[in-house]
């Protein structure tokens, strides 16, 4: 029998340096699901990176 012992980690609060976040939006609905199109727009293909 395999026995795995887990060690509990104490939670801690850390202050982080501010970061600039960017975002995108794309209107869609259940019938017109464009999730893949949205995700692909974050990482253009190599042919578009010239």
C-alpha atoms as a PDB file:
ATOM      1  CA  UNK A   1       0.000   0.000   0.000  1.00  0.00           C
ATOM      2  CA  UNK A   2       1.282   3.497  -0.925  1.00  0.00           C
ATOM      3  CA  UNK A   3       1.102   6.034   1.899  1.00  0.00           C
ATOM      4  CA  UNK A   4       1.687   9.714   1.166  1.00  0.00           C
ATOM      5  CA  UNK A   5       2.226  12.106   4.059  1.00  0.00           C
ATOM      6  CA  UNK A   6       1.369  15.724   3.366  1.00  0.00           C
ATOM      7  CA  UNK A   7       2.925  18.555   5.306  1.00  0.00           C
ATOM      8  CA  UNK A   8       0.651  21.508   6.078  1.00  0.00           C
ATOM      9  CA  UNK A   9       2.065  24.845   4.965  1.00  0.00           C
ATOM     10  CA  UNK A  10       1.469  27.950   7.054  1.00  0.00           C
ATOM     11  CA  UNK A  11      -0.300  30.665   5.052  1.00  0.00           C
ATOM     12  CA  UNK A  12       1.591  33.930   4.678  1.00  0.00           C
ATOM     13  CA  UNK A  13       0.826  37.367   3.293  1.00  0.00           C
ATOM     14  CA  UNK A  14       3.468  38.942   1.066  1.00  0.00           C
ATOM     15  CA  UNK A  15       3.670  42.407  -0.441  1.00  0.00           C
ATOM     16  CA  UNK A  16       4.390  42.240  -4.179  1.00  0.00           C
ATOM     17  CA  UNK A  17       5.683  44.914  -6.504  1.00  0.00           C
ATOM     18  CA  UNK A  18       2.993  46.527  -8.690  1.00  0.00           C
ATOM     19  CA  UNK A  19       2.503  45.017 -12.137  1.00  0.00           C
ATOM     20  CA  UNK A  20       0.927  46.401 -15.285  1.00  0.00           C
ATOM     21  CA  UNK A  21      -1.768  44.088 -16.634  1.00  0.00           C
ATOM     22  CA  UNK A  22      -3.293  44.141 -20.093  1.00  0.00           C
ATOM     23  CA  UNK A  23      -6.443  42.470 -21.246  1.00  0.00           C
ATOM     24  CA  UNK A  24      -8.676  41.808 -24.200  1.00  0.00           C
ATOM     25  CA  UNK A  25     -12.380  41.280 -24.605  1.00  0.00           C
ATOM     26  CA  UNK A  26     -14.497  39.597 -27.241  1.00  0.00           C
ATOM     27  CA  UNK A  27     -18.280  39.499 -27.267  1.00  0.00           C
ATOM     28  CA  UNK A  28     -19.732  36.009 -27.512  1.00  0.00           C
ATOM     29  CA  UNK A  29     -22.569  33.803 -26.367  1.00  0.00           C
ATOM     30  CA  UNK A  30     -23.146  30.072 -25.927  1.00  0.00           C
ATOM     31  CA  UNK A  31     -24.282  29.695 -29.551  1.00  0.00           C
ATOM     32  CA  UNK A  32     -21.316  31.726 -30.845  1.00  0.00           C
ATOM     33  CA  UNK A  33     -18.460  30.509 -28.645  1.00  0.00           C
ATOM     34  CA  UNK A  34     -15.279  32.345 -29.700  1.00  0.00           C
ATOM     35  CA  UNK A  35     -13.057  31.286 -26.792  1.00  0.00           C
ATOM     36  CA  UNK A  36     -10.398  29.705 -29.032  1.00  0.00           C
ATOM     37  CA  UNK A  37     -10.247  32.859 -31.157  1.00  0.00           C
ATOM     38  CA  UNK A  38      -9.718  34.967 -28.033  1.00  0.00           C
ATOM     39  CA  UNK A  39      -6.918  32.738 -26.695  1.00  0.00           C
ATOM     40  CA  UNK A  40      -5.194  32.576 -30.090  1.00  0.00           C
ATOM     41  CA  UNK A  41      -5.103  36.378 -30.228  1.00  0.00           C
ATOM     42  CA  UNK A  42      -2.740  36.405 -27.225  1.00  0.00           C
ATOM     43  CA  UNK A  43      -0.097  34.367 -29.057  1.00  0.00           C
ATOM     44  CA  UNK A  44       0.226  35.304 -32.728  1.00  0.00           C
ATOM     45  CA  UNK A  45       1.672  32.727 -35.104  1.00  0.00           C
ATOM     46  CA  UNK A  46       5.333  32.916 -36.054  1.00  0.00           C
ATOM     47  CA  UNK A  47       4.430  34.042 -39.582  1.00  0.00           C
ATOM     48  CA  UNK A  48       2.887  37.220 -38.107  1.00  0.00           C
ATOM     49  CA  UNK A  49       5.956  38.100 -36.017  1.00  0.00           C
ATOM     50  CA  UNK A  50       8.198  39.481 -38.758  1.00  0.00           C
END
